[in-house]
């Protein structure tokens, strides 16, 4: 008996220039220096927002969520990271 294994399609998805601009608008609200923000050009699962060892903030867009939904949740995460 053959067993069919269904695989998810590949996750990496390009982050668009428009999406990067929208993320930077949010970081601007918290007066975070754009020089200290890193946004990978591919989304990942799960996405994450965290400080890197060099002090920069890495913002990885979540590949599994619609961008607008992810950005709304990311706003609160960025607020918390901005306080650190």
PDB file of N, CA and C in Angstrom:
ATOM      1  N   UNK A   1       0.845  -1.177   0.000  1.00  0.00           N
ATOM      2  CA  UNK A   1       0.000   0.000   0.000  1.00  0.00           C
ATOM      3  C   UNK A   1       0.893   1.244   0.000  1.00  0.00           C
ATOM      4  N   UNK A   2       0.626   2.143  -0.903  1.00  0.00           N
ATOM      5  CA  UNK A   2       1.392   3.380  -0.995  1.00  0.00           C
ATOM      6  C   UNK A   2       0.787   4.442  -0.104  1.00  0.00           C
ATOM      7  N   UNK A   3       1.644   5.171   0.536  1.00  0.00           N
ATOM      8  CA  UNK A   3       1.196   6.265   1.375  1.00  0.00           C
ATOM      9  C   UNK A   3       1.579   7.577   0.688  1.00  0.00           C
ATOM     10  N   UNK A   4       0.616   8.458   0.545  1.00  0.00           N
ATOM     11  CA  UNK A   4       0.858   9.749  -0.095  1.00  0.00           C
ATOM     12  C   UNK A   4       1.195  10.770   0.982  1.00  0.00           C
ATOM     13  N   UNK A   5       2.334  11.398   0.810  1.00  0.00           N
ATOM     14  CA  UNK A   5       2.749  12.435   1.745  1.00  0.00           C
ATOM     15  C   UNK A   5       2.555  13.779   1.053  1.00  0.00           C
ATOM     16  N   UNK A   6       1.752  14.598   1.665  1.00  0.00           N
ATOM     17  CA  UNK A   6       1.509  15.925   1.105  1.00  0.00           C
ATOM     18  C   UNK A   6       2.440  16.911   1.789  1.00  0.00           C
ATOM     19  N   UNK A   7       3.151  17.638   0.981  1.00  0.00           N
ATOM     20  CA  UNK A   7       4.092  18.610   1.520  1.00  0.00           C
ATOM     21  C   UNK A   7       3.561  20.016   1.296  1.00  0.00           C
ATOM     22  N   UNK A   8       3.898  20.887   2.227  1.00  0.00           N
ATOM     23  CA  UNK A   8       3.527  22.292   2.080  1.00  0.00           C
ATOM     24  C   UNK A   8       4.362  22.900   0.959  1.00  0.00           C
ATOM     25  N   UNK A   9       3.801  23.874   0.256  1.00  0.00           N
ATOM     26  CA  UNK A   9       4.614  24.561  -0.749  1.00  0.00           C
ATOM     27  C   UNK A   9       5.752  25.310  -0.051  1.00  0.00           C
ATOM     28  N   UNK A  10       6.803  25.626  -0.763  1.00  0.00           N
ATOM     29  CA  UNK A  10       7.927  26.323  -0.127  1.00  0.00           C
ATOM     30  C   UNK A  10       7.488  27.647   0.490  1.00  0.00           C
ATOM     31  N   UNK A  11       8.011  27.944   1.669  1.00  0.00           N
ATOM     32  CA  UNK A  11       7.615  29.136   2.397  1.00  0.00           C
ATOM     33  C   UNK A  11       8.269  30.428   1.936  1.00  0.00           C
ATOM     34  N   UNK A  12       9.559  30.432   1.605  1.00  0.00           N
ATOM     35  CA  UNK A  12      10.166  31.731   1.325  1.00  0.00           C
ATOM     36  C   UNK A  12       9.362  32.546   0.318  1.00  0.00           C
ATOM     37  N   UNK A  13       9.078  33.742   0.731  1.00  0.00           N
ATOM     38  CA  UNK A  13       8.307  34.663  -0.074  1.00  0.00           C
ATOM     39  C   UNK A  13       9.033  35.989  -0.023  1.00  0.00           C
ATOM     40  N   UNK A  14       9.126  36.642  -1.132  1.00  0.00           N
ATOM     41  CA  UNK A  14       9.820  37.929  -1.169  1.00  0.00           C
ATOM     42  C   UNK A  14       9.042  38.987  -0.396  1.00  0.00           C
ATOM     43  N   UNK A  15       9.779  39.813   0.314  1.00  0.00           N
ATOM     44  CA  UNK A  15       9.201  40.969   0.990  1.00  0.00           C
ATOM     45  C   UNK A  15       9.329  42.131   0.004  1.00  0.00           C
ATOM     46  N   UNK A  16       8.217  42.774  -0.289  1.00  0.00           N
ATOM     47  CA  UNK A  16       8.214  43.819  -1.313  1.00  0.00           C
ATOM     48  C   UNK A  16       8.734  45.150  -0.773  1.00  0.00           C
ATOM     49  N   UNK A  17       9.122  46.016  -1.700  1.00  0.00           N
ATOM     50  CA  UNK A  17       9.579  47.360  -1.341  1.00  0.00           C
ATOM     51  C   UNK A  17       8.482  48.107  -0.589  1.00  0.00           C
ATOM     52  N   UNK A  18       7.245  47.968  -1.035  1.00  0.00           N
ATOM     53  CA  UNK A  18       6.113  48.615  -0.369  1.00  0.00           C
ATOM     54  C   UNK A  18       5.973  48.108   1.068  1.00  0.00           C
ATOM     55  N   UNK A  19       6.124  46.799   1.284  1.00  0.00           N
ATOM     56  CA  UNK A  19       6.028  46.244   2.631  1.00  0.00           C
ATOM     57  C   UNK A  19       7.152  46.763   3.516  1.00  0.00           C
ATOM     58  N   UNK A  20       8.355  46.855   2.976  1.00  0.00           N
ATOM     59  CA  UNK A  20       9.480  47.394   3.748  1.00  0.00           C
ATOM     60  C   UNK A  20       9.187  48.835   4.153  1.00  0.00           C
ATOM     61  N   UNK A  21       8.664  49.622   3.236  1.00  0.00           N
ATOM     62  CA  UNK A  21       8.311  51.011   3.570  1.00  0.00           C
ATOM     63  C   UNK A  21       7.271  51.074   4.674  1.00  0.00           C
ATOM     64  N   UNK A  22       6.296  50.191   4.641  1.00  0.00           N
ATOM     65  CA  UNK A  22       5.257  50.179   5.679  1.00  0.00           C
ATOM     66  C   UNK A  22       5.837  49.783   7.031  1.00  0.00           C
ATOM     67  N   UNK A  23       6.777  48.842   7.029  1.00  0.00           N
ATOM     68  CA  UNK A  23       7.445  48.456   8.278  1.00  0.00           C
ATOM     69  C   UNK A  23       8.239  49.638   8.821  1.00  0.00           C
ATOM     70  N   UNK A  24       8.963  50.321   7.935  1.00  0.00           N
ATOM     71  CA  UNK A  24       9.774  51.461   8.372  1.00  0.00           C
ATOM     72  C   UNK A  24       8.909  52.618   8.882  1.00  0.00           C
ATOM     73  N   UNK A  25       7.709  52.773   8.359  1.00  0.00           N
ATOM     74  CA  UNK A  25       6.791  53.789   8.890  1.00  0.00           C
ATOM     75  C   UNK A  25       6.469  53.495  10.350  1.00  0.00           C
ATOM     76  N   UNK A  26       6.296  52.219  10.669  1.00  0.00           N
ATOM     77  CA  UNK A  26       6.019  51.827  12.055  1.00  0.00           C
ATOM     78  C   UNK A  26       7.251  52.069  12.930  1.00  0.00           C
ATOM     79  N   UNK A  27       8.435  51.689  12.444  1.00  0.00           N
ATOM     80  CA  UNK A  27       9.638  51.916  13.252  1.00  0.00           C
ATOM     81  C   UNK A  27       9.882  53.409  13.451  1.00  0.00           C
ATOM     82  N   UNK A  28       9.514  54.223  12.468  1.00  0.00           N
ATOM     83  CA  UNK A  28       9.642  55.678  12.602  1.00  0.00           C
ATOM     84  C   UNK A  28       8.755  56.202  13.729  1.00  0.00           C
ATOM     85  N   UNK A  29       7.565  55.611  13.905  1.00  0.00           N
ATOM     86  CA  UNK A  29       6.660  56.028  14.979  1.00  0.00           C
ATOM     87  C   UNK A  29       7.325  55.883  16.346  1.00  0.00           C
ATOM     88  N   UNK A  30       8.190  54.882  16.473  1.00  0.00           N
ATOM     89  CA  UNK A  30       8.874  54.638  17.743  1.00  0.00           C
ATOM     90  C   UNK A  30      10.257  55.284  17.774  1.00  0.00           C
ATOM     91  N   UNK A  31      10.524  56.125  16.780  1.00  0.00           N
ATOM     92  CA  UNK A  31      11.782  56.861  16.666  1.00  0.00           C
ATOM     93  C   UNK A  31      12.996  55.933  16.692  1.00  0.00           C
ATOM     94  N   UNK A  32      12.857  54.786  16.028  1.00  0.00           N
ATOM     95  CA  UNK A  32      13.972  53.855  15.888  1.00  0.00           C
ATOM     96  C   UNK A  32      14.788  54.263  14.665  1.00  0.00           C
ATOM     97  N   UNK A  33      16.088  54.363  14.833  1.00  0.00           N
ATOM     98  CA  UNK A  33      16.990  54.769  13.753  1.00  0.00           C
ATOM     99  C   UNK A  33      16.984  53.702  12.660  1.00  0.00           C
ATOM    100  N   UNK A  34      16.691  54.102  11.452  1.00  0.00           N
ATOM    101  CA  UNK A  34      16.625  53.156  10.333  1.00  0.00           C
ATOM    102  C   UNK A  34      17.948  52.438  10.092  1.00  0.00           C
ATOM    103  N   UNK A  35      19.052  53.050  10.479  1.00  0.00           N
ATOM    104  CA  UNK A  35      20.360  52.396  10.329  1.00  0.00           C
ATOM    105  C   UNK A  35      20.483  51.166  11.218  1.00  0.00           C
ATOM    106  N   UNK A  36      19.641  51.077  12.234  1.00  0.00           N
ATOM    107  CA  UNK A  36      19.702  49.974  13.195  1.00  0.00           C
ATOM    108  C   UNK A  36      18.597  48.950  12.966  1.00  0.00           C
ATOM    109  N   UNK A  37      17.935  49.016  11.813  1.00  0.00           N
ATOM    110  CA  UNK A  37      16.862  48.081  11.463  1.00  0.00           C
ATOM    111  C   UNK A  37      17.346  47.187  10.329  1.00  0.00           C
ATOM    112  N   UNK A  38      17.168  45.882  10.484  1.00  0.00           N
ATOM    113  CA  UNK A  38      17.477  44.927   9.419  1.00  0.00           C
ATOM    114  C   UNK A  38      16.202  44.161   9.077  1.00  0.00           C
ATOM    115  N   UNK A  39      15.859  44.163   7.790  1.00  0.00           N
ATOM    116  CA  UNK A  39      14.670  43.459   7.303  1.00  0.00           C
ATOM    117  C   UNK A  39      15.118  42.518   6.193  1.00  0.00           C
ATOM    118  N   UNK A  40      15.164  41.205   6.480  1.00  0.00           N
ATOM    119  CA  UNK A  40      15.525  40.259   5.415  1.00  0.00           C
ATOM    120  C   UNK A  40      14.527  40.346   4.259  1.00  0.00           C
ATOM    121  N   UNK A  41      14.996  40.089   3.053  1.00  0.00           N
ATOM    122  CA  UNK A  41      14.151  40.214   1.865  1.00  0.00           C
ATOM    123  C   UNK A  41      13.275  39.001   1.605  1.00  0.00           C
ATOM    124  N   UNK A  42      13.375  37.984   2.457  1.00  0.00           N
ATOM    125  CA  UNK A  42      12.502  36.809   2.374  1.00  0.00           C
ATOM    126  C   UNK A  42      11.754  36.648   3.681  1.00  0.00           C
ATOM    127  N   UNK A  43      10.480  36.337   3.588  1.00  0.00           N
ATOM    128  CA  UNK A  43       9.682  36.052   4.773  1.00  0.00           C
ATOM    129  C   UNK A  43      10.064  34.664   5.279  1.00  0.00           C
ATOM    130  N   UNK A  44       9.731  34.376   6.538  1.00  0.00           N
ATOM    131  CA  UNK A  44      10.042  33.078   7.129  1.00  0.00           C
ATOM    132  C   UNK A  44       8.898  32.650   8.034  1.00  0.00           C
ATOM    133  N   UNK A  45       8.904  31.400   8.387  1.00  0.00           N
ATOM    134  CA  UNK A  45       7.889  30.889   9.303  1.00  0.00           C
ATOM    135  C   UNK A  45       8.585  30.216  10.468  1.00  0.00           C
ATOM    136  N   UNK A  46       8.410  30.703  11.652  1.00  0.00           N
ATOM    137  CA  UNK A  46       7.623  31.898  11.991  1.00  0.00           C
ATOM    138  C   UNK A  46       8.438  33.164  11.765  1.00  0.00           C
ATOM    139  N   UNK A  47       7.734  34.276  11.661  1.00  0.00           N
ATOM    140  CA  UNK A  47       8.410  35.562  11.609  1.00  0.00           C
ATOM    141  C   UNK A  47       8.897  35.910  13.010  1.00  0.00           C
ATOM    142  N   UNK A  48       9.738  36.910  13.120  1.00  0.00           N
ATOM    143  CA  UNK A  48      10.201  37.307  14.451  1.00  0.00           C
ATOM    144  C   UNK A  48      10.744  38.724  14.425  1.00  0.00           C
ATOM    145  N   UNK A  49      10.742  39.315  15.599  1.00  0.00           N
ATOM    146  CA  UNK A  49      11.319  40.637  15.796  1.00  0.00           C
ATOM    147  C   UNK A  49      12.174  40.529  17.046  1.00  0.00           C
ATOM    148  N   UNK A  50      13.467  40.803  16.889  1.00  0.00           N
ATOM    149  CA  UNK A  50      14.355  40.675  18.046  1.00  0.00           C
ATOM    150  C   UNK A  50      15.603  41.520  17.846  1.00  0.00           C
ATOM    151  N   UNK A  51      16.282  41.753  18.963  1.00  0.00           N
ATOM    152  CA  UNK A  51      17.550  42.473  18.896  1.00  0.00           C
ATOM    153  C   UNK A  51      18.659  41.484  18.603  1.00  0.00           C
ATOM    154  N   UNK A  52      19.528  41.879  17.698  1.00  0.00           N
ATOM    155  CA  UNK A  52      20.696  41.081  17.354  1.00  0.00           C
ATOM    156  C   UNK A  52      21.819  41.387  18.353  1.00  0.00           C
ATOM    157  N   UNK A  53      22.822  40.519  18.433  1.00  0.00           N
ATOM    158  CA  UNK A  53      23.933  40.769  19.357  1.00  0.00           C
ATOM    159  C   UNK A  53      24.628  42.117  19.141  1.00  0.00           C
ATOM    160  N   UNK A  54      24.586  42.636  17.918  1.00  0.00           N
ATOM    161  CA  UNK A  54      25.227  43.927  17.634  1.00  0.00           C
ATOM    162  C   UNK A  54      24.326  45.120  17.979  1.00  0.00           C
ATOM    163  N   UNK A  55      23.147  44.849  18.545  1.00  0.00           N
ATOM    164  CA  UNK A  55      22.224  45.908  18.959  1.00  0.00           C
ATOM    165  C   UNK A  55      21.184  46.288  17.926  1.00  0.00           C
ATOM    166  N   UNK A  56      21.357  45.830  16.689  1.00  0.00           N
ATOM    167  CA  UNK A  56      20.369  46.130  15.650  1.00  0.00           C
ATOM    168  C   UNK A  56      19.092  45.314  15.902  1.00  0.00           C
ATOM    169  N   UNK A  57      18.001  45.774  15.314  1.00  0.00           N
ATOM    170  CA  UNK A  57      16.721  45.072  15.429  1.00  0.00           C
ATOM    171  C   UNK A  57      16.455  44.367  14.106  1.00  0.00           C
ATOM    172  N   UNK A  58      16.261  43.053  14.177  1.00  0.00           N
ATOM    173  CA  UNK A  58      15.931  42.284  12.980  1.00  0.00           C
ATOM    174  C   UNK A  58      14.428  42.065  12.957  1.00  0.00           C
ATOM    175  N   UNK A  59      13.825  42.376  11.820  1.00  0.00           N
ATOM    176  CA  UNK A  59      12.382  42.227  11.627  1.00  0.00           C
ATOM    177  C   UNK A  59      12.178  41.250  10.481  1.00  0.00           C
ATOM    178  N   UNK A  60      11.702  40.042  10.812  1.00  0.00           N
ATOM    179  CA  UNK A  60      11.474  38.999   9.814  1.00  0.00           C
ATOM    180  C   UNK A  60       9.966  38.864   9.623  1.00  0.00           C
ATOM    181  N   UNK A  61       9.490  39.151   8.429  1.00  0.00           N
ATOM    182  CA  UNK A  61       8.066  39.060   8.111  1.00  0.00           C
ATOM    183  C   UNK A  61       7.634  37.600   8.166  1.00  0.00           C
ATOM    184  N   UNK A  62       6.462  37.349   8.755  1.00  0.00           N
ATOM    185  CA  UNK A  62       5.928  35.991   8.868  1.00  0.00           C
ATOM    186  C   UNK A  62       5.316  35.560   7.536  1.00  0.00           C
ATOM    187  N   UNK A  63       5.794  34.438   7.010  1.00  0.00           N
ATOM    188  CA  UNK A  63       5.331  33.939   5.707  1.00  0.00           C
ATOM    189  C   UNK A  63       3.939  33.328   5.769  1.00  0.00           C
ATOM    190  N   UNK A  64       3.467  32.981   6.982  1.00  0.00           N
ATOM    191  CA  UNK A  64       2.184  32.286   7.102  1.00  0.00           C
ATOM    192  C   UNK A  64       1.000  33.215   7.351  1.00  0.00           C
ATOM    193  N   UNK A  65       1.261  34.472   7.623  1.00  0.00           N
ATOM    194  CA  UNK A  65       0.173  35.408   7.916  1.00  0.00           C
ATOM    195  C   UNK A  65       0.023  36.425   6.798  1.00  0.00           C
ATOM    196  N   UNK A  66      -1.205  36.885   6.562  1.00  0.00           N
ATOM    197  CA  UNK A  66      -1.363  38.004   5.627  1.00  0.00           C
ATOM    198  C   UNK A  66      -0.566  39.198   6.167  1.00  0.00           C
ATOM    199  N   UNK A  67       0.071  39.942   5.284  1.00  0.00           N
ATOM    200  CA  UNK A  67       0.979  41.003   5.711  1.00  0.00           C
ATOM    201  C   UNK A  67       0.313  42.001   6.652  1.00  0.00           C
ATOM    202  N   UNK A  68      -0.892  42.471   6.333  1.00  0.00           N
ATOM    203  CA  UNK A  68      -1.551  43.477   7.179  1.00  0.00           C
ATOM    204  C   UNK A  68      -1.793  42.946   8.588  1.00  0.00           C
ATOM    205  N   UNK A  69      -2.177  41.690   8.693  1.00  0.00           N
ATOM    206  CA  UNK A  69      -2.399  41.064  10.000  1.00  0.00           C
ATOM    207  C   UNK A  69      -1.078  40.970  10.767  1.00  0.00           C
ATOM    208  N   UNK A  70      -0.031  40.550  10.070  1.00  0.00           N
ATOM    209  CA  UNK A  70       1.280  40.443  10.709  1.00  0.00           C
ATOM    210  C   UNK A  70       1.760  41.817  11.176  1.00  0.00           C
ATOM    211  N   UNK A  71       1.601  42.847  10.340  1.00  0.00           N
ATOM    212  CA  UNK A  71       2.083  44.180  10.678  1.00  0.00           C
ATOM    213  C   UNK A  71       1.371  44.734  11.907  1.00  0.00           C
ATOM    214  N   UNK A  72       0.081  44.473  12.036  1.00  0.00           N
ATOM    215  CA  UNK A  72      -0.659  44.931  13.216  1.00  0.00           C
ATOM    216  C   UNK A  72      -0.083  44.299  14.485  1.00  0.00           C
ATOM    217  N   UNK A  73       0.214  43.011  14.438  1.00  0.00           N
ATOM    218  CA  UNK A  73       0.806  42.327  15.594  1.00  0.00           C
ATOM    219  C   UNK A  73       2.246  42.786  15.810  1.00  0.00           C
ATOM    220  N   UNK A  74       2.963  43.043  14.731  1.00  0.00           N
ATOM    221  CA  UNK A  74       4.366  43.464  14.823  1.00  0.00           C
ATOM    222  C   UNK A  74       4.484  44.823  15.504  1.00  0.00           C
ATOM    223  N   UNK A  75       3.495  45.671  15.344  1.00  0.00           N
ATOM    224  CA  UNK A  75       3.522  47.005  15.954  1.00  0.00           C
ATOM    225  C   UNK A  75       3.731  46.897  17.473  1.00  0.00           C
ATOM    226  N   UNK A  76       3.015  45.996  18.122  1.00  0.00           N
ATOM    227  CA  UNK A  76       3.156  45.831  19.572  1.00  0.00           C
ATOM    228  C   UNK A  76       4.520  45.251  19.924  1.00  0.00           C
ATOM    229  N   UNK A  77       4.990  44.297  19.148  1.00  0.00           N
ATOM    230  CA  UNK A  77       6.322  43.736  19.391  1.00  0.00           C
ATOM    231  C   UNK A  77       7.391  44.811  19.246  1.00  0.00           C
ATOM    232  N   UNK A  78       7.260  45.651  18.249  1.00  0.00           N
ATOM    233  CA  UNK A  78       8.221  46.733  18.049  1.00  0.00           C
ATOM    234  C   UNK A  78       8.178  47.736  19.200  1.00  0.00           C
ATOM    235  N   UNK A  79       6.991  47.984  19.716  1.00  0.00           N
ATOM    236  CA  UNK A  79       6.851  48.889  20.859  1.00  0.00           C
ATOM    237  C   UNK A  79       7.658  48.342  22.043  1.00  0.00           C
ATOM    238  N   UNK A  80       7.558  47.046  22.269  1.00  0.00           N
ATOM    239  CA  UNK A  80       8.288  46.436  23.382  1.00  0.00           C
ATOM    240  C   UNK A  80       9.800  46.448  23.135  1.00  0.00           C
ATOM    241  N   UNK A  81      10.227  46.143  21.915  1.00  0.00           N
ATOM    242  CA  UNK A  81      11.650  46.138  21.593  1.00  0.00           C
ATOM    243  C   UNK A  81      12.220  47.551  21.678  1.00  0.00           C
ATOM    244  N   UNK A  82      11.447  48.551  21.307  1.00  0.00           N
ATOM    245  CA  UNK A  82      11.920  49.936  21.331  1.00  0.00           C
ATOM    246  C   UNK A  82      12.204  50.387  22.759  1.00  0.00           C
ATOM    247  N   UNK A  83      11.545  49.795  23.732  1.00  0.00           N
ATOM    248  CA  UNK A  83      11.753  50.165  25.142  1.00  0.00           C
ATOM    249  C   UNK A  83      13.032  49.571  25.706  1.00  0.00           C
ATOM    250  N   UNK A  84      13.544  48.505  25.088  1.00  0.00           N
ATOM    251  CA  UNK A  84      14.740  47.832  25.636  1.00  0.00           C
ATOM    252  C   UNK A  84      15.986  48.671  25.484  1.00  0.00           C
TER     253      UNK A  84
END
